[in-house]
Amino acid sequence: MPTVQEYGALIKPSTHFASLDATIHAGASALWGLTMSVEIRNPQGLPVRKNRAVESSSEATLEAIDTATASLQSVITESAAPIANQSNSTFTFKIPPYRELKRRLWHMAPGLLAFGLHIESHADPITPTLRWIVVVACAVIALRIFHGFRHIQRQGEGTGASAVAGYALSVLLTVLLFPGHLEIGVAVLAILAFGDGSATLCGLTFRGPRLPWNRSKSWSGLMSFVVVGTFMTTWVYWGETHNPEAADPPISLGLALAIVAPAVLLAGVAESLRVRLNDNVRVGFVAAVAMSVMHFSLRF
C-alpha cells in the first residue's frame, strides 16, 4: 500500500488540476457570482519514492479528471447559453433619435387626410373634379416628402424615390380603379400611414424578441402594425361608408373590422419579410389587393 508521501507525489500540482481549478472558478463566477478556489498542494520536504503501481494509478486518476473536466465545461457552456441570450428575449425601452421621430411623423401625417372625408360630404362615385383633386393632392404631398427626404433619410439610404412612389401610387391607383368605393383607397392609406408607421416606431422604442424569419424585425413592431393598423383602418373605412351621399348603405363597425383585419395582418407580414423591395411598395400592394378582395367578398 502506498505511503502518505507517495500519495503526496500523486497529487503534485499539474496542468490537469489547474484546468479543473480554472473551470470551476469560471463556471461558479459566471452562474452564481461566487468565487471558488480549489487548491491542492504537495507536502514540501517529504521524500518521494518512485513506484510503478503508484504511477499507473496516477495515470488512471488523471484520465478520470480529464473526463470530469470536459463534462464540467460542457455543463457550464450549456447553462450559460440562456444567460448570454437573455438580452434577445426581453423588452427594453429606448427613445428613438429625433430624426427617426420626424421621419415617422412625415410617414403618418398623410393618413389624417382620410378623416377629412368623414366631415365633408362627397358624391359616390367621386366626380372627375374630386378625382383630379386627389391626384393633385397625392402629387403635391409626394413631391414635398421627396424634397424633404434628405433631412430624414437614414445613413446609407438611397434617394427615397421608391418609398415615396410606392406610398403615393398605392393609394392613388386604388382610388382611380374603384371611384365608387373610396373606402378601399382610404383604407390602404390608413394601413400605410398608421400600420407601417407605428411598426417602425414601436419596433425602435420597445426592442425585444426578433422574428424568426427576419432577425432585423421584432415582434413588438409586427404587433404594433396589426393592432394600431387594424384600429385606425377600421375607423377610417367604417366612417367612409357613412358618407351621406354614398351609393351603398353604411355598415356596422363589426363588419368593418372583419373586412379590415385580414388585410392589415397580410400587409404586416409583407412588411416583415426580408426582401430588397421597399416596404412601402410591398405594404401598399398587398394592402390594396387584400382590401379589394375582402371588400367585395364580404359586402356584396
C-alpha atoms as a PDB file:
ATOM      1  CA  MET A   1       0.000   0.000   0.000  1.00  0.00           C
ATOM      2  CA  PRO A   2       1.394   3.478  -0.899  1.00  0.00           C
ATOM      3  CA  THR A   3       2.554   5.621   1.964  1.00  0.00           C
ATOM      4  CA  VAL A   4       1.377   9.152   2.730  1.00  0.00           C
ATOM      5  CA  GLN A   5       4.425  10.505   0.959  1.00  0.00           C
ATOM      6  CA  GLU A   6       3.572   8.540  -2.198  1.00  0.00           C
ATOM      7  CA  TYR A   7       0.020   9.876  -2.215  1.00  0.00           C
ATOM      8  CA  GLY A   8       1.515  13.343  -1.942  1.00  0.00           C
ATOM      9  CA  ALA A   9       3.501  12.652  -5.094  1.00  0.00           C
ATOM     10  CA  LEU A  10       0.289  11.569  -6.905  1.00  0.00           C
ATOM     11  CA  ILE A  11      -1.411  14.888  -6.373  1.00  0.00           C
ATOM     12  CA  LYS A  12       1.522  17.064  -7.312  1.00  0.00           C
ATOM     13  CA  PRO A  13       0.208  20.266  -8.984  1.00  0.00           C
ATOM     14  CA  SER A  14      -0.236  19.704 -12.722  1.00  0.00           C
ATOM     15  CA  THR A  15      -1.986  21.185 -15.731  1.00  0.00           C
ATOM     16  CA  HIS A  16      -4.905  18.828 -15.116  1.00  0.00           C
ATOM     17  CA  PHE A  17      -5.655  20.312 -11.718  1.00  0.00           C
ATOM     18  CA  ALA A  18      -5.015  23.837 -12.989  1.00  0.00           C
ATOM     19  CA  SER A  19      -7.582  23.263 -15.754  1.00  0.00           C
ATOM     20  CA  LEU A  20     -10.098  21.879 -13.277  1.00  0.00           C
ATOM     21  CA  ASP A  21      -9.499  24.752 -10.888  1.00  0.00           C
ATOM     22  CA  ALA A  22      -9.917  27.359 -13.651  1.00  0.00           C
ATOM     23  CA  THR A  23     -13.075  25.690 -14.986  1.00  0.00           C
ATOM     24  CA  ILE A  24     -14.751  25.509 -11.586  1.00  0.00           C
ATOM     25  CA  HIS A  25     -13.757  29.100 -10.808  1.00  0.00           C
ATOM     26  CA  ALA A  26     -15.088  30.463 -14.135  1.00  0.00           C
ATOM     27  CA  GLY A  27     -18.290  28.437 -14.025  1.00  0.00           C
ATOM     28  CA  ALA A  28     -19.140  29.402 -10.475  1.00  0.00           C
ATOM     29  CA  SER A  29     -18.347  33.075 -11.035  1.00  0.00           C
ATOM     30  CA  ALA A  30     -20.454  33.276 -14.208  1.00  0.00           C
ATOM     31  CA  LEU A  31     -23.524  31.394 -12.943  1.00  0.00           C
ATOM     32  CA  TRP A  32     -23.819  32.185  -9.269  1.00  0.00           C
ATOM     33  CA  GLY A  33     -21.479  35.099  -8.688  1.00  0.00           C
ATOM     34  CA  LEU A  34     -19.474  33.060  -6.225  1.00  0.00           C
ATOM     35  CA  THR A  35     -15.745  32.539  -6.061  1.00  0.00           C
ATOM     36  CA  MET A  36     -14.499  29.043  -5.586  1.00  0.00           C
ATOM     37  CA  SER A  37     -10.909  28.067  -5.293  1.00  0.00           C
ATOM     38  CA  VAL A  38      -9.569  24.540  -5.421  1.00  0.00           C
ATOM     39  CA  GLU A  39      -6.010  24.356  -4.250  1.00  0.00           C
ATOM     40  CA  ILE A  40      -4.097  21.120  -3.908  1.00  0.00           C
ATOM     41  CA  ARG A  41      -0.573  21.272  -2.581  1.00  0.00           C
ATOM     42  CA  ASN A  42       2.192  18.762  -2.444  1.00  0.00           C
ATOM     43  CA  PRO A  43       3.696  18.368   1.006  1.00  0.00           C
ATOM     44  CA  GLN A  44       7.078  20.014   0.966  1.00  0.00           C
ATOM     45  CA  GLY A  45      10.206  18.353   2.217  1.00  0.00           C
ATOM     46  CA  LEU A  46       8.838  14.818   2.175  1.00  0.00           C
ATOM     47  CA  PRO A  47      10.860  12.155   0.396  1.00  0.00           C
ATOM     48  CA  VAL A  48       9.126  10.640  -2.654  1.00  0.00           C
ATOM     49  CA  ARG A  49       9.848   7.127  -3.853  1.00  0.00           C
ATOM     50  CA  LYS A  50       9.024   6.037  -7.395  1.00  0.00           C
ATOM     51  CA  ASN A  51       6.617   3.136  -7.634  1.00  0.00           C
ATOM     52  CA  ARG A  52       5.163   1.713 -10.858  1.00  0.00           C
ATOM     53  CA  ALA A  53       1.891   0.814  -9.233  1.00  0.00           C
ATOM     54  CA  VAL A  54       1.563   4.361  -7.986  1.00  0.00           C
ATOM     55  CA  GLU A  55       2.421   5.771 -11.432  1.00  0.00           C
ATOM     56  CA  SER A  56      -0.221   3.547 -13.096  1.00  0.00           C
ATOM     57  CA  SER A  57      -2.782   4.646 -10.539  1.00  0.00           C
ATOM     58  CA  SER A  58      -1.773   8.272 -11.165  1.00  0.00           C
ATOM     59  CA  GLU A  59      -2.360   7.984 -14.906  1.00  0.00           C
ATOM     60  CA  ALA A  60      -5.802   6.466 -14.382  1.00  0.00           C
ATOM     61  CA  THR A  61      -6.670   9.212 -11.911  1.00  0.00           C
ATOM     62  CA  LEU A  62      -5.577  11.960 -14.291  1.00  0.00           C
ATOM     63  CA  GLU A  63      -7.599  10.453 -17.154  1.00  0.00           C
ATOM     64  CA  ALA A  64     -10.666  10.433 -14.930  1.00  0.00           C
ATOM     65  CA  ILE A  65     -10.014  14.063 -14.038  1.00  0.00           C
ATOM     66  CA  ASP A  66      -9.727  14.969 -17.741  1.00  0.00           C
ATOM     67  CA  THR A  67     -13.107  13.370 -18.415  1.00  0.00           C
ATOM     68  CA  ALA A  68     -14.699  15.150 -15.460  1.00  0.00           C
ATOM     69  CA  THR A  69     -13.216  18.483 -16.548  1.00  0.00           C
ATOM     70  CA  ALA A  70     -14.601  18.113 -20.081  1.00  0.00           C
ATOM     71  CA  SER A  71     -18.034  17.241 -18.722  1.00  0.00           C
ATOM     72  CA  LEU A  72     -17.978  20.225 -16.365  1.00  0.00           C
ATOM     73  CA  GLN A  73     -17.025  22.601 -19.175  1.00  0.00           C
ATOM     74  CA  SER A  74     -19.897  21.240 -21.298  1.00  0.00           C
ATOM     75  CA  VAL A  75     -22.392  21.756 -18.468  1.00  0.00           C
ATOM     76  CA  ILE A  76     -21.159  25.308 -17.876  1.00  0.00           C
ATOM     77  CA  THR A  77     -21.445  26.160 -21.583  1.00  0.00           C
ATOM     78  CA  GLU A  78     -24.995  24.822 -21.826  1.00  0.00           C
ATOM     79  CA  SER A  79     -26.041  26.559 -18.607  1.00  0.00           C
ATOM     80  CA  ALA A  80     -24.554  29.905 -19.612  1.00  0.00           C
ATOM     81  CA  ALA A  81     -26.132  29.932 -23.097  1.00  0.00           C
ATOM     82  CA  PRO A  82     -29.598  31.061 -21.896  1.00  0.00           C
ATOM     83  CA  ILE A  83     -27.966  33.800 -19.838  1.00  0.00           C
ATOM     84  CA  ALA A  84     -25.988  35.033 -22.839  1.00  0.00           C
ATOM     85  CA  ASN A  85     -29.127  35.095 -24.976  1.00  0.00           C
ATOM     86  CA  GLN A  86     -31.336  36.638 -22.303  1.00  0.00           C
ATOM     87  CA  SER A  87     -30.941  40.140 -23.760  1.00  0.00           C
ATOM     88  CA  ASN A  88     -32.539  38.967 -27.019  1.00  0.00           C
ATOM     89  CA  SER A  89     -35.669  37.662 -25.279  1.00  0.00           C
ATOM     90  CA  THR A  90     -36.528  40.644 -23.078  1.00  0.00           C
ATOM     91  CA  PHE A  91     -38.049  44.001 -23.917  1.00  0.00           C
ATOM     92  CA  THR A  92     -36.071  47.192 -23.455  1.00  0.00           C
ATOM     93  CA  PHE A  93     -37.299  50.769 -23.777  1.00  0.00           C
ATOM     94  CA  LYS A  94     -35.334  53.313 -25.770  1.00  0.00           C
ATOM     95  CA  ILE A  95     -36.498  56.637 -27.214  1.00  0.00           C
ATOM     96  CA  PRO A  96     -35.665  56.793 -30.949  1.00  0.00           C
ATOM     97  CA  PRO A  97     -33.477  59.656 -32.192  1.00  0.00           C
ATOM     98  CA  TYR A  98     -35.149  62.899 -33.258  1.00  0.00           C
ATOM     99  CA  ARG A  99     -34.509  62.237 -36.953  1.00  0.00           C
ATOM    100  CA  GLU A 100     -36.419  58.945 -36.752  1.00  0.00           C
ATOM    101  CA  LEU A 101     -39.317  60.541 -34.858  1.00  0.00           C
ATOM    102  CA  LYS A 102     -39.555  63.228 -37.516  1.00  0.00           C
ATOM    103  CA  ARG A 103     -39.472  60.550 -40.198  1.00  0.00           C
ATOM    104  CA  ARG A 104     -42.411  58.722 -38.551  1.00  0.00           C
ATOM    105  CA  LEU A 105     -44.368  61.978 -38.330  1.00  0.00           C
ATOM    106  CA  TRP A 106     -43.941  62.537 -42.067  1.00  0.00           C
ATOM    107  CA  HIS A 107     -44.998  58.947 -42.691  1.00  0.00           C
ATOM    108  CA  MET A 108     -48.196  59.139 -40.624  1.00  0.00           C
ATOM    109  CA  ALA A 109     -49.339  62.684 -41.451  1.00  0.00           C
ATOM    110  CA  PRO A 110     -50.998  61.853 -44.837  1.00  0.00           C
ATOM    111  CA  GLY A 111     -53.285  59.391 -43.057  1.00  0.00           C
ATOM    112  CA  LEU A 112     -55.033  62.279 -41.320  1.00  0.00           C
ATOM    113  CA  LEU A 113     -56.454  63.377 -44.698  1.00  0.00           C
ATOM    114  CA  ALA A 114     -58.789  60.370 -44.646  1.00  0.00           C
ATOM    115  CA  PHE A 115     -60.624  61.777 -41.632  1.00  0.00           C
ATOM    116  CA  GLY A 116     -61.426  64.947 -43.600  1.00  0.00           C
ATOM    117  CA  LEU A 117     -63.719  62.893 -45.825  1.00  0.00           C
ATOM    118  CA  HIS A 118     -65.792  61.997 -42.747  1.00  0.00           C
ATOM    119  CA  ILE A 119     -66.642  65.661 -42.333  1.00  0.00           C
ATOM    120  CA  GLU A 120     -67.054  66.720 -45.956  1.00  0.00           C
ATOM    121  CA  SER A 121     -69.894  65.035 -47.836  1.00  0.00           C
ATOM    122  CA  HIS A 122     -68.921  63.915 -51.348  1.00  0.00           C
ATOM    123  CA  ALA A 123     -70.532  62.210 -54.315  1.00  0.00           C
ATOM    124  CA  ASP A 124     -70.265  58.456 -54.743  1.00  0.00           C
ATOM    125  CA  PRO A 125     -68.735  57.533 -57.108  1.00  0.00           C
ATOM    126  CA  ILE A 126     -66.431  60.502 -56.831  1.00  0.00           C
ATOM    127  CA  THR A 127     -66.729  63.122 -59.528  1.00  0.00           C
ATOM    128  CA  PRO A 128     -63.983  63.789 -62.111  1.00  0.00           C
ATOM    129  CA  THR A 129     -63.242  67.020 -60.251  1.00  0.00           C
ATOM    130  CA  LEU A 130     -62.640  65.192 -56.986  1.00  0.00           C
ATOM    131  CA  ARG A 131     -60.501  62.662 -58.805  1.00  0.00           C
ATOM    132  CA  TRP A 132     -58.246  65.432 -60.068  1.00  0.00           C
ATOM    133  CA  ILE A 133     -58.142  66.914 -56.600  1.00  0.00           C
ATOM    134  CA  VAL A 134     -56.992  63.549 -55.228  1.00  0.00           C
ATOM    135  CA  VAL A 135     -54.362  63.228 -57.989  1.00  0.00           C
ATOM    136  CA  VAL A 136     -53.011  66.715 -57.395  1.00  0.00           C
ATOM    137  CA  ALA A 137     -53.035  66.277 -53.623  1.00  0.00           C
ATOM    138  CA  CYS A 138     -51.114  62.989 -53.878  1.00  0.00           C
ATOM    139  CA  ALA A 139     -48.591  64.556 -56.271  1.00  0.00           C
ATOM    140  CA  VAL A 140     -48.010  67.603 -54.069  1.00  0.00           C
ATOM    141  CA  ILE A 141     -47.606  65.531 -50.907  1.00  0.00           C
ATOM    142  CA  ALA A 142     -45.285  63.085 -52.667  1.00  0.00           C
ATOM    143  CA  LEU A 143     -43.094  65.876 -54.045  1.00  0.00           C
ATOM    144  CA  ARG A 144     -42.969  67.609 -50.677  1.00  0.00           C
ATOM    145  CA  ILE A 145     -41.938  64.396 -48.904  1.00  0.00           C
ATOM    146  CA  PHE A 146     -39.401  63.595 -51.614  1.00  0.00           C
ATOM    147  CA  HIS A 147     -37.920  67.084 -51.363  1.00  0.00           C
ATOM    148  CA  GLY A 148     -37.551  66.840 -47.595  1.00  0.00           C
ATOM    149  CA  PHE A 149     -36.430  63.216 -47.600  1.00  0.00           C
ATOM    150  CA  ARG A 150     -32.755  64.122 -47.405  1.00  0.00           C
ATOM    151  CA  HIS A 151     -33.385  65.620 -43.961  1.00  0.00           C
ATOM    152  CA  ILE A 152     -34.888  62.419 -42.565  1.00  0.00           C
ATOM    153  CA  GLN A 153     -33.140  59.661 -44.535  1.00  0.00           C
ATOM    154  CA  ARG A 154     -31.141  57.029 -42.702  1.00  0.00           C
ATOM    155  CA  GLN A 155     -27.405  56.621 -43.179  1.00  0.00           C
ATOM    156  CA  GLY A 156     -26.636  54.701 -46.366  1.00  0.00           C
ATOM    157  CA  GLU A 157     -30.214  55.009 -47.626  1.00  0.00           C
ATOM    158  CA  GLY A 158     -30.970  55.959 -51.241  1.00  0.00           C
ATOM    159  CA  THR A 159     -32.914  58.914 -52.550  1.00  0.00           C
ATOM    160  CA  GLY A 160     -36.251  57.554 -51.294  1.00  0.00           C
ATOM    161  CA  ALA A 161     -37.883  57.640 -54.724  1.00  0.00           C
ATOM    162  CA  SER A 162     -39.204  54.083 -54.441  1.00  0.00           C
ATOM    163  CA  ALA A 163     -40.536  54.684 -50.925  1.00  0.00           C
ATOM    164  CA  VAL A 164     -42.414  57.851 -51.892  1.00  0.00           C
ATOM    165  CA  ALA A 165     -43.684  56.395 -55.172  1.00  0.00           C
ATOM    166  CA  GLY A 166     -44.845  53.171 -53.521  1.00  0.00           C
ATOM    167  CA  TYR A 167     -46.738  55.131 -50.886  1.00  0.00           C
ATOM    168  CA  ALA A 168     -48.469  57.563 -53.252  1.00  0.00           C
ATOM    169  CA  LEU A 169     -49.190  55.224 -56.160  1.00  0.00           C
ATOM    170  CA  SER A 170     -50.709  52.501 -53.963  1.00  0.00           C
ATOM    171  CA  VAL A 171     -53.342  54.924 -52.713  1.00  0.00           C
ATOM    172  CA  LEU A 172     -53.826  56.823 -55.968  1.00  0.00           C
ATOM    173  CA  LEU A 173     -54.283  53.759 -58.182  1.00  0.00           C
ATOM    174  CA  THR A 174     -56.769  52.217 -55.743  1.00  0.00           C
ATOM    175  CA  VAL A 175     -58.863  55.386 -55.755  1.00  0.00           C
ATOM    176  CA  LEU A 176     -58.794  55.635 -59.573  1.00  0.00           C
ATOM    177  CA  LEU A 177     -59.572  51.937 -60.063  1.00  0.00           C
ATOM    178  CA  PHE A 178     -62.518  51.968 -57.662  1.00  0.00           C
ATOM    179  CA  PRO A 179     -64.019  55.500 -57.800  1.00  0.00           C
ATOM    180  CA  GLY A 180     -67.331  54.194 -56.464  1.00  0.00           C
ATOM    181  CA  HIS A 181     -65.657  52.593 -53.437  1.00  0.00           C
ATOM    182  CA  LEU A 182     -63.482  55.306 -51.960  1.00  0.00           C
ATOM    183  CA  GLU A 183     -63.377  53.436 -48.667  1.00  0.00           C
ATOM    184  CA  ILE A 184     -60.907  50.987 -50.204  1.00  0.00           C
ATOM    185  CA  GLY A 185     -58.498  53.772 -51.123  1.00  0.00           C
ATOM    186  CA  VAL A 186     -58.647  55.458 -47.717  1.00  0.00           C
ATOM    187  CA  ALA A 187     -58.182  52.075 -46.018  1.00  0.00           C
ATOM    188  CA  VAL A 188     -54.974  51.492 -47.991  1.00  0.00           C
ATOM    189  CA  LEU A 189     -53.836  54.974 -46.965  1.00  0.00           C
ATOM    190  CA  ALA A 190     -54.535  54.205 -43.292  1.00  0.00           C
ATOM    191  CA  ILE A 191     -52.653  50.889 -43.421  1.00  0.00           C
ATOM    192  CA  LEU A 192     -49.599  52.590 -44.906  1.00  0.00           C
ATOM    193  CA  ALA A 193     -49.732  55.610 -42.634  1.00  0.00           C
ATOM    194  CA  PHE A 194     -50.642  54.136 -39.267  1.00  0.00           C
ATOM    195  CA  GLY A 195     -49.844  50.442 -39.587  1.00  0.00           C
ATOM    196  CA  ASP A 196     -46.462  50.705 -41.266  1.00  0.00           C
ATOM    197  CA  GLY A 197     -45.619  53.914 -39.424  1.00  0.00           C
ATOM    198  CA  SER A 198     -46.358  52.526 -35.960  1.00  0.00           C
ATOM    199  CA  ALA A 199     -44.479  49.278 -36.677  1.00  0.00           C
ATOM    200  CA  THR A 200     -41.165  51.068 -37.155  1.00  0.00           C
ATOM    201  CA  LEU A 201     -41.763  53.477 -34.284  1.00  0.00           C
ATOM    202  CA  CYS A 202     -42.745  50.758 -31.807  1.00  0.00           C
ATOM    203  CA  GLY A 203     -40.000  48.417 -33.025  1.00  0.00           C
ATOM    204  CA  LEU A 204     -37.369  51.074 -32.331  1.00  0.00           C
ATOM    205  CA  THR A 205     -38.879  52.119 -28.992  1.00  0.00           C
ATOM    206  CA  PHE A 206     -39.657  48.705 -27.494  1.00  0.00           C
ATOM    207  CA  ARG A 207     -36.796  46.455 -28.535  1.00  0.00           C
ATOM    208  CA  GLY A 208     -37.412  42.802 -27.848  1.00  0.00           C
ATOM    209  CA  PRO A 209     -37.532  39.307 -29.338  1.00  0.00           C
ATOM    210  CA  ARG A 210     -36.790  39.144 -33.055  1.00  0.00           C
ATOM    211  CA  LEU A 211     -38.907  37.489 -35.723  1.00  0.00           C
ATOM    212  CA  PRO A 212     -37.612  34.021 -36.662  1.00  0.00           C
ATOM    213  CA  TRP A 213     -37.880  34.754 -40.406  1.00  0.00           C
ATOM    214  CA  ASN A 214     -36.268  38.203 -40.197  1.00  0.00           C
ATOM    215  CA  ARG A 215     -33.880  38.963 -37.330  1.00  0.00           C
ATOM    216  CA  SER A 216     -33.859  42.673 -38.184  1.00  0.00           C
ATOM    217  CA  LYS A 217     -37.580  42.915 -37.309  1.00  0.00           C
ATOM    218  CA  SER A 218     -39.171  42.444 -33.879  1.00  0.00           C
ATOM    219  CA  TRP A 219     -42.413  41.008 -32.581  1.00  0.00           C
ATOM    220  CA  SER A 220     -43.220  44.364 -30.986  1.00  0.00           C
ATOM    221  CA  GLY A 221     -43.108  46.052 -34.401  1.00  0.00           C
ATOM    222  CA  LEU A 222     -45.339  43.436 -36.030  1.00  0.00           C
ATOM    223  CA  MET A 223     -47.842  43.505 -33.160  1.00  0.00           C
ATOM    224  CA  SER A 224     -47.963  47.296 -33.321  1.00  0.00           C
ATOM    225  CA  PHE A 225     -48.610  47.145 -37.068  1.00  0.00           C
ATOM    226  CA  VAL A 226     -51.534  44.768 -36.570  1.00  0.00           C
ATOM    227  CA  VAL A 227     -53.096  46.443 -33.520  1.00  0.00           C
ATOM    228  CA  VAL A 228     -52.688  50.120 -34.453  1.00  0.00           C
ATOM    229  CA  GLY A 229     -53.243  49.459 -38.159  1.00  0.00           C
ATOM    230  CA  THR A 230     -56.446  47.493 -37.529  1.00  0.00           C
ATOM    231  CA  PHE A 231     -57.871  50.095 -35.156  1.00  0.00           C
ATOM    232  CA  MET A 232     -57.154  53.138 -37.315  1.00  0.00           C
ATOM    233  CA  THR A 233     -58.039  51.493 -40.639  1.00  0.00           C
ATOM    234  CA  THR A 234     -61.341  50.148 -39.290  1.00  0.00           C
ATOM    235  CA  TRP A 235     -62.224  53.637 -38.088  1.00  0.00           C
ATOM    236  CA  VAL A 236     -61.382  55.211 -41.446  1.00  0.00           C
ATOM    237  CA  TYR A 237     -63.122  52.507 -43.503  1.00  0.00           C
ATOM    238  CA  TRP A 238     -66.257  52.460 -41.332  1.00  0.00           C
ATOM    239  CA  GLY A 239     -66.513  56.254 -41.323  1.00  0.00           C
ATOM    240  CA  GLU A 240     -66.293  56.474 -45.115  1.00  0.00           C
ATOM    241  CA  THR A 241     -69.234  54.065 -45.521  1.00  0.00           C
ATOM    242  CA  HIS A 242     -71.355  56.577 -43.572  1.00  0.00           C
ATOM    243  CA  ASN A 243     -70.910  59.286 -46.189  1.00  0.00           C
ATOM    244  CA  PRO A 244     -74.408  60.800 -46.671  1.00  0.00           C
ATOM    245  CA  GLU A 245     -74.043  60.580 -50.452  1.00  0.00           C
ATOM    246  CA  ALA A 246     -72.717  57.001 -50.501  1.00  0.00           C
ATOM    247  CA  ALA A 247     -74.330  54.735 -53.107  1.00  0.00           C
ATOM    248  CA  ASP A 248     -74.203  51.746 -50.749  1.00  0.00           C
ATOM    249  CA  PRO A 249     -75.759  51.528 -47.283  1.00  0.00           C
ATOM    250  CA  PRO A 250     -73.491  52.064 -44.271  1.00  0.00           C
ATOM    251  CA  ILE A 251     -72.085  49.027 -42.498  1.00  0.00           C
ATOM    252  CA  SER A 252     -71.639  48.122 -38.862  1.00  0.00           C
ATOM    253  CA  LEU A 253     -68.375  48.527 -37.005  1.00  0.00           C
ATOM    254  CA  GLY A 254     -68.124  44.759 -36.618  1.00  0.00           C
ATOM    255  CA  LEU A 255     -68.367  44.141 -40.378  1.00  0.00           C
ATOM    256  CA  ALA A 256     -65.800  46.858 -40.993  1.00  0.00           C
ATOM    257  CA  LEU A 257     -63.438  45.104 -38.574  1.00  0.00           C
ATOM    258  CA  ALA A 258     -63.988  41.739 -40.293  1.00  0.00           C
ATOM    259  CA  ILE A 259     -63.094  43.287 -43.660  1.00  0.00           C
ATOM    260  CA  VAL A 260     -60.086  45.250 -42.470  1.00  0.00           C
ATOM    261  CA  ALA A 261     -58.344  42.874 -40.018  1.00  0.00           C
ATOM    262  CA  PRO A 262     -57.192  40.209 -42.538  1.00  0.00           C
ATOM    263  CA  ALA A 263     -55.873  42.875 -44.918  1.00  0.00           C
ATOM    264  CA  VAL A 264     -53.886  44.562 -42.140  1.00  0.00           C
ATOM    265  CA  LEU A 265     -52.447  41.229 -40.996  1.00  0.00           C
ATOM    266  CA  LEU A 266     -51.300  40.325 -44.513  1.00  0.00           C
ATOM    267  CA  ALA A 267     -49.799  43.782 -45.003  1.00  0.00           C
ATOM    268  CA  GLY A 268     -47.981  43.454 -41.671  1.00  0.00           C
ATOM    269  CA  VAL A 269     -46.477  40.118 -42.668  1.00  0.00           C
ATOM    270  CA  ALA A 270     -45.414  41.619 -46.016  1.00  0.00           C
ATOM    271  CA  GLU A 271     -43.675  44.458 -44.172  1.00  0.00           C
ATOM    272  CA  SER A 272     -41.752  41.993 -42.009  1.00  0.00           C
ATOM    273  CA  LEU A 273     -40.292  39.930 -44.862  1.00  0.00           C
ATOM    274  CA  ARG A 274     -36.590  40.089 -45.667  1.00  0.00           C
ATOM    275  CA  VAL A 275     -36.661  41.252 -49.303  1.00  0.00           C
ATOM    276  CA  ARG A 276     -34.945  44.064 -51.169  1.00  0.00           C
ATOM    277  CA  LEU A 277     -38.165  45.688 -52.395  1.00  0.00           C
ATOM    278  CA  ASN A 278     -39.048  48.820 -50.405  1.00  0.00           C
ATOM    279  CA  ASP A 279     -41.577  48.152 -47.667  1.00  0.00           C
ATOM    280  CA  ASN A 280     -43.918  50.934 -48.852  1.00  0.00           C
ATOM    281  CA  VAL A 281     -44.235  49.165 -52.201  1.00  0.00           C
ATOM    282  CA  ARG A 282     -44.794  45.778 -50.544  1.00  0.00           C
ATOM    283  CA  VAL A 283     -47.264  47.031 -47.941  1.00  0.00           C
ATOM    284  CA  GLY A 284     -49.148  49.227 -50.409  1.00  0.00           C
ATOM    285  CA  PHE A 285     -49.556  46.465 -52.996  1.00  0.00           C
ATOM    286  CA  VAL A 286     -50.622  43.785 -50.502  1.00  0.00           C
ATOM    287  CA  ALA A 287     -52.972  46.195 -48.713  1.00  0.00           C
ATOM    288  CA  ALA A 288     -54.646  47.263 -51.979  1.00  0.00           C
ATOM    289  CA  VAL A 289     -55.164  43.679 -53.174  1.00  0.00           C
ATOM    290  CA  ALA A 290     -56.290  42.337 -49.795  1.00  0.00           C
ATOM    291  CA  MET A 291     -58.673  45.231 -49.107  1.00  0.00           C
ATOM    292  CA  SER A 292     -60.256  44.897 -52.561  1.00  0.00           C
ATOM    293  CA  VAL A 293     -60.794  41.154 -52.125  1.00  0.00           C
ATOM    294  CA  MET A 294     -62.215  41.476 -48.597  1.00  0.00           C
ATOM    295  CA  HIS A 295     -64.400  44.453 -49.538  1.00  0.00           C
ATOM    296  CA  PHE A 296     -66.122  42.778 -52.468  1.00  0.00           C
ATOM    297  CA  SER A 297     -66.261  39.374 -50.757  1.00  0.00           C
ATOM    298  CA  LEU A 298     -68.000  40.433 -47.533  1.00  0.00           C
ATOM    299  CA  ARG A 299     -70.057  43.436 -48.627  1.00  0.00           C
ATOM    300  CA  PHE A 300     -71.534  42.199 -51.920  1.00  0.00           C
END
